[in-house]
Amino acid sequence: MDTEHSSVNISLSVAEALRKQQTAFCVLTLFVLAMLLLLHALFAFVLGEPSTPVLVVLGVSFGIRLIELTWLQGTRRPFTAQIARADGIGSILMLFLLAGLLAWLTNHDHSPYQVLLAIPVLQAAFLLGLTATVLTIIAADGAIFLWLWHYFALHPPASGAEYLEGGMLAVVYALMGLLAWFLVSQLRANQERLAGTLADLQVARARLVNEEKLAAVGRLASGIAHEIRNPVAMIVSALSTATDAVNGDREEMFAIASRQAGRLEALTNDFLTYAKPTVPRRSPVLLGDLLSAVEAVSRIRRAEGGVQVQCRVADDQWVLVDGSQIEGALLNLVLNAMDAISGAGTVTVTGEFVDGQLRIEVENSGPAIPAAAMDRIFEPFFTTKSAGTGLGLAIARSVAKAHGGDLWVSRNEDGHVIFTMTLDAQVSGVEEREAIHG
């Protein structure tokens, strides 16, 4: 699938390059026509004033080119190589016709409008192959000598100097066309090699992503197996012992089995929450009420360990979140912060809007997180505690991302460890009024 997407992207980039190339030739033609008309006016003492037919022909040519330019910029049809080639051939034929018509209308051996023949030579070099480029050069050079022959047939005698000048111009067109074709062919070959290399890289990337997914699944399965194995073993052992135990010991074994079954149930619930997070059901809630609920749940742990929890938020600050999900995520962060403190200490929770996003920081006064653990701290089933599933921080981060934000460690120093959670939780005035009047 990734390879198909890469091929599509390469095709689109080539099509866009062809569109830009044709647009450049269109703009170049408009510029050259304008410059030739200006030269005609400046050298009117040699060529004569631009006649009405010349102005009409130039005006029509301008109009056709402007229409083509508008089409190139506005069309939504895929711009394929076939369309570019057809447009280029049409442009080449029109320029040959235009150069001949303007030379006939000006009727001068020094017709500046023969410069227009340089554009078809360049277009053939860019769009067509070597054979077509050579034929275009021959046609352009032939047109130069054909006009000189026609002019001097009507206005003898022939001038050798004019034929020499025409021959030099023909050589310039030949060198220009062949050099342009050579450079374009080299660029096209390099582009094809780069496209092939890019396709190979995309395939290698897809393979690495698949391997990483398989490795992640393997780590996840290993973590689940590790977490399940111990409770199951203890349940089996407790039930086996209970069959031969006296009443008192039997009740103790049943209690052990019950506790381990509860641990398995909690593990299963945490895993399902992480593996299949639900879509947030947002509603306006007061941030102060949300953190008060978290503080109330953590009050028992605070009394046991002597850790103080302080919340610093505006009580009247409305936020648009799934209250249940955010409460669970913040509770995980606060309880982890409390567990990180040995003895007395402080956990501080602050919340404010920064650049349109709700930013909640949970800071604890415990030691810094070891560098070895920092890279894996949000990894499922990774934990430094003797108890726990290692899914709390992973779940909290997935909740933050489901709310359009993220969760990371913004500061990691002894006495100042800060977890920062951002949420897309801006409340509009309408939502706030509905929440107040409920």
Protein backbone atom coordinates (compact mmCIF):
# COMPACT_ATOMS: atom_id res chain seq x y z
CA MET A 1 0.00 0.00 0.00
CA ASP A 2 2.82 2.43 0.89
CA THR A 3 4.54 1.57 -2.41
CA GLU A 4 1.36 2.42 -4.32
CA HIS A 5 1.10 5.73 -2.46
CA SER A 6 4.75 6.54 -3.27
CA SER A 7 4.15 5.77 -6.97
CA VAL A 8 1.11 8.05 -6.97
CA ASN A 9 3.10 10.81 -5.28
CA ILE A 10 5.91 10.50 -7.85
CA SER A 11 3.40 10.62 -10.73
CA LEU A 12 1.75 13.71 -9.24
CA SER A 13 5.11 15.45 -8.84
CA VAL A 14 6.02 14.68 -12.48
CA ALA A 15 2.64 15.99 -13.65
CA GLU A 16 3.11 19.17 -11.63
CA ALA A 17 6.61 19.61 -13.10
CA LEU A 18 5.19 19.29 -16.63
CA ARG A 19 2.48 21.82 -15.83
CA LYS A 20 5.06 24.29 -14.50
CA GLN A 21 7.27 23.70 -17.56
CA GLN A 22 4.45 24.49 -19.98
CA THR A 23 3.49 27.51 -17.90
CA ALA A 24 7.08 28.77 -18.10
CA PHE A 25 7.11 28.43 -21.91
CA CYS A 26 3.78 30.22 -22.10
CA VAL A 27 5.07 33.13 -20.00
CA LEU A 28 8.33 33.16 -22.02
CA THR A 29 6.37 33.45 -25.27
CA LEU A 30 4.34 36.37 -23.90
CA PHE A 31 7.54 38.08 -22.75
CA VAL A 32 9.31 37.58 -26.11
CA LEU A 33 6.29 38.87 -28.05
CA ALA A 34 6.21 41.98 -25.88
CA MET A 35 9.95 42.56 -26.30
CA LEU A 36 9.78 42.07 -30.08
CA LEU A 37 6.93 44.57 -30.35
CA LEU A 38 8.97 47.01 -28.27
CA LEU A 39 12.03 46.51 -30.51
CA HIS A 40 9.85 46.99 -33.57
CA ALA A 41 8.64 50.31 -32.18
CA LEU A 42 12.15 51.43 -31.15
CA PHE A 43 13.65 50.57 -34.53
CA ALA A 44 10.74 51.82 -36.57
CA PHE A 45 13.18 53.89 -38.64
CA VAL A 46 14.53 50.56 -40.00
CA LEU A 47 11.48 48.27 -39.92
CA GLY A 48 8.73 50.82 -40.29
CA GLU A 49 5.96 51.50 -37.82
CA PRO A 50 4.05 48.36 -36.64
CA SER A 51 1.14 48.04 -39.04
CA THR A 52 -2.42 47.32 -38.03
CA PRO A 53 -2.24 43.69 -39.26
CA VAL A 54 0.95 43.17 -37.20
CA LEU A 55 -0.76 44.57 -34.11
CA VAL A 56 -3.84 42.42 -34.75
CA VAL A 57 -1.75 39.26 -35.14
CA LEU A 58 0.24 40.05 -31.99
CA GLY A 59 -2.97 40.82 -30.10
CA VAL A 60 -4.56 37.52 -31.15
CA SER A 61 -1.36 35.67 -30.20
CA PHE A 62 -1.35 37.37 -26.81
CA GLY A 63 -4.97 36.40 -26.27
CA ILE A 64 -4.38 32.76 -27.22
CA ARG A 65 -1.39 32.56 -24.89
CA LEU A 66 -3.30 34.16 -22.03
CA ILE A 67 -6.12 31.65 -22.50
CA GLU A 68 -3.57 28.83 -22.47
CA LEU A 69 -1.95 30.26 -19.33
CA THR A 70 -5.34 30.48 -17.60
CA TRP A 71 -6.11 26.89 -18.58
CA LEU A 72 -2.74 25.66 -17.31
CA GLN A 73 -3.28 27.35 -13.95
CA GLY A 74 -6.96 26.54 -13.52
CA THR A 75 -7.56 23.09 -14.97
CA ARG A 76 -8.21 20.29 -12.49
CA ARG A 77 -7.70 17.57 -15.06
CA PRO A 78 -4.59 15.45 -14.38
CA PHE A 79 -1.75 16.94 -16.45
CA THR A 80 -0.21 13.88 -18.05
CA ALA A 81 2.83 13.63 -20.31
CA GLN A 82 0.50 13.07 -23.29
CA ILE A 83 -1.36 16.32 -22.58
CA ALA A 84 1.93 18.19 -22.13
CA ARG A 85 3.24 16.78 -25.44
CA ALA A 86 0.05 17.69 -27.31
CA ASP A 87 0.08 21.19 -25.85
CA GLY A 88 3.77 21.57 -26.73
CA ILE A 89 3.35 20.40 -30.34
CA GLY A 90 0.41 22.77 -30.77
CA SER A 91 2.49 25.62 -29.37
CA ILE A 92 5.44 24.77 -31.66
CA LEU A 93 3.24 24.75 -34.78
CA MET A 94 1.57 28.01 -33.76
CA LEU A 95 4.93 29.73 -33.21
CA PHE A 96 6.21 28.61 -36.62
CA LEU A 97 3.04 29.97 -38.20
CA LEU A 98 3.28 33.19 -36.17
CA ALA A 99 6.95 33.80 -37.05
CA GLY A 100 6.26 33.26 -40.76
CA LEU A 101 3.15 35.45 -40.75
CA LEU A 102 4.89 38.32 -38.92
CA ALA A 103 7.92 38.10 -41.24
CA TRP A 104 5.57 38.29 -44.24
CA LEU A 105 3.66 41.26 -42.75
CA THR A 106 6.82 43.21 -41.91
CA ASN A 107 8.39 42.21 -45.26
CA HIS A 108 11.97 42.97 -44.24
CA ASP A 109 15.18 40.99 -44.49
CA HIS A 110 15.98 41.89 -40.85
CA SER A 111 12.71 40.58 -39.42
CA PRO A 112 13.16 40.38 -35.62
CA TYR A 113 10.21 38.02 -35.33
CA GLN A 114 12.35 35.10 -36.48
CA VAL A 115 13.65 35.04 -32.89
CA LEU A 116 10.33 33.37 -32.05
CA LEU A 117 11.70 30.21 -33.67
CA ALA A 118 14.06 29.76 -30.71
CA ILE A 119 11.11 28.89 -28.47
CA PRO A 120 9.94 25.86 -30.53
CA VAL A 121 13.51 24.55 -30.55
CA LEU A 122 13.65 24.76 -26.74
CA GLN A 123 10.18 23.25 -26.34
CA ALA A 124 11.11 20.31 -28.57
CA ALA A 125 14.28 19.76 -26.52
CA PHE A 126 12.30 19.77 -23.26
CA LEU A 127 9.24 17.79 -24.33
CA LEU A 128 10.21 15.60 -27.28
CA GLY A 129 13.03 13.21 -28.11
CA LEU A 130 16.28 13.79 -29.98
CA THR A 131 14.76 13.04 -33.40
CA ALA A 132 11.95 15.56 -32.90
CA THR A 133 14.44 18.14 -31.62
CA VAL A 134 16.68 17.72 -34.68
CA LEU A 135 13.67 17.97 -37.00
CA THR A 136 12.53 21.15 -35.22
CA ILE A 137 16.03 22.64 -35.58
CA ILE A 138 16.05 21.78 -39.29
CA ALA A 139 12.59 23.33 -39.67
CA ALA A 140 13.64 26.50 -37.85
CA ASP A 141 16.87 26.85 -39.84
CA GLY A 142 15.02 26.05 -43.05
CA ALA A 143 12.44 28.75 -42.25
CA ILE A 144 15.23 31.31 -41.87
CA PHE A 145 16.79 30.53 -45.27
CA LEU A 146 13.39 30.10 -46.91
CA TRP A 147 12.40 33.60 -45.86
CA LEU A 148 15.72 35.06 -47.10
CA TRP A 149 15.29 33.29 -50.45
CA HIS A 150 11.69 34.51 -50.73
CA TYR A 151 12.59 38.09 -49.79
CA PHE A 152 15.53 38.39 -52.16
CA ALA A 153 13.49 36.75 -54.92
CA LEU A 154 11.15 39.73 -54.63
CA HIS A 155 13.84 42.29 -53.80
CA PRO A 156 17.02 41.39 -55.71
CA PRO A 157 19.95 41.32 -55.55
CA ALA A 158 20.63 38.75 -52.82
CA SER A 159 22.91 39.83 -49.97
CA GLY A 160 25.67 37.44 -48.94
CA ALA A 161 25.90 39.20 -45.58
CA GLU A 162 22.24 38.45 -44.86
CA TYR A 163 22.72 34.80 -45.74
CA LEU A 164 25.80 34.71 -43.50
CA GLU A 165 23.81 36.26 -40.65
CA GLY A 166 21.03 33.73 -41.23
CA GLY A 167 23.58 30.90 -41.21
CA MET A 168 25.03 32.11 -37.90
CA LEU A 169 21.51 32.26 -36.42
CA ALA A 170 20.88 28.73 -37.71
CA VAL A 171 24.07 27.50 -36.01
CA VAL A 172 23.02 29.19 -32.77
CA TYR A 173 19.60 27.47 -32.94
CA ALA A 174 21.27 24.09 -33.59
CA LEU A 175 23.75 24.44 -30.71
CA MET A 176 21.05 25.77 -28.38
CA GLY A 177 18.60 22.97 -29.20
CA LEU A 178 21.11 20.12 -28.97
CA LEU A 179 22.64 21.45 -25.74
CA ALA A 180 19.20 21.91 -24.20
CA TRP A 181 18.19 18.38 -25.22
CA PHE A 182 21.41 16.94 -23.74
CA LEU A 183 20.96 18.75 -20.41
CA VAL A 184 17.27 17.83 -20.21
CA SER A 185 18.01 14.18 -20.99
CA GLN A 186 20.64 14.13 -18.24
CA LEU A 187 18.25 15.72 -15.79
CA ARG A 188 15.51 13.28 -16.79
CA ALA A 189 17.84 10.32 -16.30
CA ASN A 190 18.83 11.63 -12.87
CA GLN A 191 15.16 12.15 -12.04
CA GLU A 192 14.34 8.57 -13.00
CA ARG A 193 17.20 7.28 -10.87
CA LEU A 194 16.03 9.42 -7.96
CA ALA A 195 12.46 8.21 -8.45
CA GLY A 196 13.68 4.61 -8.39
CA THR A 197 15.73 5.30 -5.29
CA LEU A 198 12.74 6.96 -3.63
CA ALA A 199 10.54 3.97 -4.46
CA ASP A 200 13.16 1.64 -2.97
CA LEU A 201 13.34 3.80 0.15
CA GLN A 202 9.55 3.75 0.46
CA VAL A 203 9.57 -0.05 0.22
CA ALA A 204 12.35 -0.26 2.82
CA ARG A 205 10.47 2.16 5.06
CA ALA A 206 7.25 0.13 4.76
CA ARG A 207 9.21 -3.02 5.62
CA LEU A 208 10.80 -1.35 8.67
CA VAL A 209 7.41 -0.04 9.82
CA ASN A 210 5.90 -3.51 9.53
CA GLU A 211 8.84 -5.01 11.42
CA GLU A 212 8.51 -2.34 14.11
CA LYS A 213 4.78 -3.08 14.39
CA LEU A 214 5.51 -6.78 14.78
CA ALA A 215 8.17 -5.99 17.38
CA ALA A 216 5.72 -3.75 19.24
CA VAL A 217 3.09 -6.48 19.17
CA GLY A 218 5.69 -8.93 20.47
CA ARG A 219 6.65 -6.60 23.32
CA LEU A 220 2.99 -6.05 24.13
CA ALA A 221 2.27 -9.78 24.14
CA SER A 222 5.33 -10.39 26.28
CA GLY A 223 4.20 -7.72 28.73
CA ILE A 224 0.69 -9.15 28.94
CA ALA A 225 2.03 -12.68 29.42
CA HIS A 226 4.39 -11.49 32.14
CA GLU A 227 1.67 -9.57 33.98
CA ILE A 228 -0.85 -12.42 33.72
CA ARG A 229 1.52 -15.27 34.57
CA ASN A 230 2.17 -14.32 38.20
CA PRO A 231 -1.47 -13.78 39.27
CA VAL A 232 -2.56 -16.97 37.48
CA ALA A 233 0.24 -18.95 39.11
CA MET A 234 -0.72 -17.60 42.54
CA ILE A 235 -4.42 -18.40 41.95
CA VAL A 236 -3.57 -21.95 40.89
CA SER A 237 -1.25 -22.36 43.85
CA ALA A 238 -3.77 -20.90 46.31
CA LEU A 239 -6.64 -23.06 45.06
CA SER A 240 -4.42 -26.14 45.07
CA THR A 241 -3.34 -25.44 48.64
CA ALA A 242 -6.90 -24.69 49.73
CA THR A 243 -8.03 -28.23 48.87
CA ASP A 244 -5.75 -29.70 51.55
CA ALA A 245 -5.84 -26.80 54.07
CA VAL A 246 -7.86 -26.50 57.24
CA ASN A 247 -10.65 -23.97 57.44
CA GLY A 248 -8.56 -20.96 58.49
CA ASP A 249 -5.84 -21.53 55.92
CA ARG A 250 -8.43 -22.33 53.30
CA GLU A 251 -10.09 -18.95 53.76
CA GLU A 252 -6.71 -17.25 53.51
CA MET A 253 -5.96 -19.09 50.26
CA PHE A 254 -9.37 -18.13 48.85
CA ALA A 255 -8.69 -14.51 49.81
CA ILE A 256 -5.34 -14.63 47.99
CA ALA A 257 -7.01 -16.12 44.92
CA SER A 258 -9.72 -13.44 45.07
CA ARG A 259 -7.16 -10.63 45.27
CA GLN A 260 -5.19 -12.00 42.35
CA ALA A 261 -8.40 -12.41 40.31
CA GLY A 262 -9.16 -8.75 41.03
CA ARG A 263 -5.67 -7.86 39.87
CA LEU A 264 -6.28 -9.76 36.63
CA GLU A 265 -9.57 -7.92 36.13
CA ALA A 266 -7.86 -4.55 36.68
CA LEU A 267 -5.11 -5.52 34.24
CA THR A 268 -7.67 -6.54 31.62
CA ASN A 269 -9.61 -3.29 32.02
CA ASP A 270 -6.42 -1.20 31.75
CA PHE A 271 -5.29 -3.10 28.68
CA LEU A 272 -8.66 -2.70 26.96
CA THR A 273 -8.64 1.01 27.78
CA TYR A 274 -5.19 1.39 26.24
CA ALA A 275 -5.76 -0.87 23.23
CA LYS A 276 -9.13 0.59 22.27
CA PRO A 277 -9.52 4.12 23.60
CA THR A 278 -13.04 5.50 23.34
CA VAL A 279 -13.84 8.71 21.50
CA PRO A 280 -14.09 11.59 24.02
CA ARG A 281 -17.62 12.65 24.86
CA ARG A 282 -16.96 16.30 25.46
CA SER A 283 -19.05 18.59 27.61
CA PRO A 284 -18.27 21.87 29.39
CA VAL A 285 -17.00 21.30 32.95
CA LEU A 286 -15.32 23.54 35.49
CA LEU A 287 -11.59 22.81 35.69
CA GLY A 288 -11.65 23.46 39.43
CA ASP A 289 -14.36 20.80 39.95
CA LEU A 290 -12.40 18.32 37.83
CA LEU A 291 -9.22 18.72 39.86
CA SER A 292 -11.14 18.73 43.14
CA ALA A 293 -12.43 15.27 42.26
CA VAL A 294 -8.87 14.10 41.56
CA GLU A 295 -7.69 15.59 44.84
CA ALA A 296 -10.51 13.89 46.75
CA VAL A 297 -9.59 10.46 45.36
CA SER A 298 -5.92 10.99 46.18
CA ARG A 299 -6.69 12.21 49.73
CA ILE A 300 -6.40 8.73 51.26
CA ARG A 301 -2.98 8.14 49.69
CA ARG A 302 -1.92 11.61 50.85
CA ALA A 303 -2.85 10.83 54.43
CA GLU A 304 -0.86 7.61 54.34
CA GLY A 305 2.36 9.00 52.90
CA GLY A 306 2.43 12.59 54.07
CA VAL A 307 2.45 13.99 50.52
CA GLN A 308 0.60 17.27 50.05
CA VAL A 309 -1.41 17.81 46.85
CA GLN A 310 -1.95 21.43 45.81
CA CYS A 311 -4.20 22.53 42.93
CA ARG A 312 -3.68 25.97 41.43
CA VAL A 313 -6.40 26.66 38.86
CA ALA A 314 -9.16 29.18 38.36
CA ASP A 315 -12.34 27.70 39.84
CA ASP A 316 -14.51 29.43 37.20
CA GLN A 317 -12.48 28.21 34.21
CA TRP A 318 -14.67 26.17 31.85
CA VAL A 319 -13.11 23.44 29.71
CA LEU A 320 -14.63 21.26 26.97
CA VAL A 321 -13.45 17.71 27.70
CA ASP A 322 -14.59 14.20 28.50
CA GLY A 323 -14.60 14.66 32.27
CA SER A 324 -14.36 10.96 33.06
CA GLN A 325 -11.37 10.36 30.77
CA ILE A 326 -9.45 13.45 31.89
CA GLU A 327 -10.15 12.70 35.55
CA GLY A 328 -8.75 9.19 35.13
CA ALA A 329 -5.68 10.47 33.25
CA LEU A 330 -4.95 13.16 35.86
CA LEU A 331 -5.48 10.70 38.68
CA ASN A 332 -2.85 8.44 37.11
CA LEU A 333 -0.44 11.37 36.89
CA VAL A 334 -1.07 12.52 40.46
CA LEU A 335 -0.80 9.04 41.98
CA ASN A 336 2.42 8.38 40.03
CA ALA A 337 3.77 11.71 41.24
CA MET A 338 2.92 10.79 44.84
CA ASP A 339 4.55 7.38 44.47
CA ALA A 340 7.72 9.05 43.17
CA ILE A 341 8.15 10.90 46.48
CA SER A 342 9.68 8.97 49.36
CA GLY A 343 8.48 10.48 52.62
CA ALA A 344 6.98 13.97 52.84
CA GLY A 345 6.73 16.10 49.74
CA THR A 346 4.46 18.11 47.48
CA VAL A 347 2.54 17.46 44.29
CA THR A 348 1.38 20.63 42.54
CA VAL A 349 -1.22 20.69 39.79
CA THR A 350 -1.64 23.85 37.69
CA GLY A 351 -3.90 24.52 34.74
CA GLU A 352 -4.21 27.42 32.31
CA PHE A 353 -4.90 28.16 28.66
CA VAL A 354 -1.81 28.82 26.54
CA ASP A 355 -2.22 29.68 22.84
CA GLY A 356 -5.75 28.29 22.79
CA GLN A 357 -4.84 24.95 24.42
CA LEU A 358 -5.41 23.87 28.00
CA ARG A 359 -2.03 23.19 29.62
CA ILE A 360 -2.04 21.11 32.82
CA GLU A 361 1.21 20.52 34.68
CA VAL A 362 1.68 17.96 37.45
CA GLU A 363 4.89 18.64 39.39
CA ASN A 364 6.36 16.54 42.19
CA SER A 365 9.27 17.23 44.53
CA GLY A 366 10.77 13.75 44.17
CA PRO A 367 14.02 12.73 42.54
CA ALA A 368 14.62 13.03 38.80
CA ILE A 369 13.53 10.15 36.58
CA PRO A 370 16.58 8.05 35.63
CA ALA A 371 17.84 8.58 32.09
CA ALA A 372 17.43 4.86 31.32
CA ALA A 373 13.72 5.09 32.14
CA MET A 374 13.01 8.34 30.27
CA ASP A 375 12.98 6.69 26.84
CA ARG A 376 10.49 4.04 27.94
CA ILE A 377 8.36 5.92 30.46
CA PHE A 378 5.28 5.97 28.21
CA GLU A 379 5.81 2.45 26.91
CA PRO A 380 3.00 -0.01 27.79
CA PHE A 381 3.81 -2.36 30.70
CA PHE A 382 6.99 -0.49 31.56
CA THR A 383 7.10 0.36 35.26
CA THR A 384 9.66 0.85 37.98
CA LYS A 385 7.16 -0.01 40.71
CA SER A 386 6.91 -3.36 42.42
CA ALA A 387 3.15 -3.30 41.78
CA GLY A 388 1.11 -1.90 38.93
CA THR A 389 0.48 -2.71 35.29
CA GLY A 390 2.66 -0.05 33.71
CA LEU A 391 -0.28 1.18 31.63
CA GLY A 392 -1.19 4.34 33.55
CA LEU A 393 1.04 6.79 31.72
CA ALA A 394 0.38 5.14 28.35
CA ILE A 395 -3.37 5.50 28.91
CA ALA A 396 -3.00 9.11 30.07
CA ARG A 397 -1.04 9.97 26.94
CA SER A 398 -3.58 8.32 24.64
CA VAL A 399 -6.37 10.30 26.37
CA ALA A 400 -4.43 13.54 25.83
CA LYS A 401 -3.91 12.74 22.14
CA ALA A 402 -7.60 11.86 21.76
CA HIS A 403 -8.31 15.40 23.02
CA GLY A 404 -6.02 16.93 20.40
CA GLY A 405 -3.03 17.34 22.72
CA ASP A 406 -0.12 15.36 24.14
CA LEU A 407 1.64 14.36 27.34
CA TRP A 408 5.37 14.59 27.99
CA VAL A 409 7.98 15.22 30.68
CA SER A 410 8.75 18.93 30.38
CA ARG A 411 11.20 19.09 33.29
CA ASN A 412 13.25 16.39 34.96
CA GLU A 413 15.40 17.58 37.82
CA ASP A 414 15.77 16.53 41.45
CA GLY A 415 12.93 18.24 43.32
CA HIS A 416 11.25 19.40 40.10
CA VAL A 417 9.75 16.68 37.90
CA ILE A 418 6.95 18.04 35.71
CA PHE A 419 4.54 16.13 33.50
CA THR A 420 2.80 18.47 31.03
CA MET A 421 -0.52 17.60 29.41
CA THR A 422 -2.04 19.72 26.66
CA LEU A 423 -5.66 19.48 25.56
CA ASP A 424 -7.72 21.10 22.83
CA ALA A 425 -10.42 22.16 25.29
CA GLN A 426 -11.42 25.73 24.47
CA VAL A 427 -15.05 26.49 25.39
CA SER A 428 -17.15 28.88 23.32
CA GLY A 429 -19.50 31.39 24.90
CA VAL A 430 -22.54 29.41 23.72
CA GLU A 431 -21.31 26.19 25.31
CA GLU A 432 -20.53 28.00 28.56
CA ARG A 433 -24.00 29.54 28.75
CA GLU A 434 -25.60 26.13 28.07
CA ALA A 435 -23.51 24.57 30.82
CA ILE A 436 -24.45 27.30 33.31
CA HIS A 437 -28.15 27.25 32.57
CA GLY A 438 -28.05 23.50 32.02
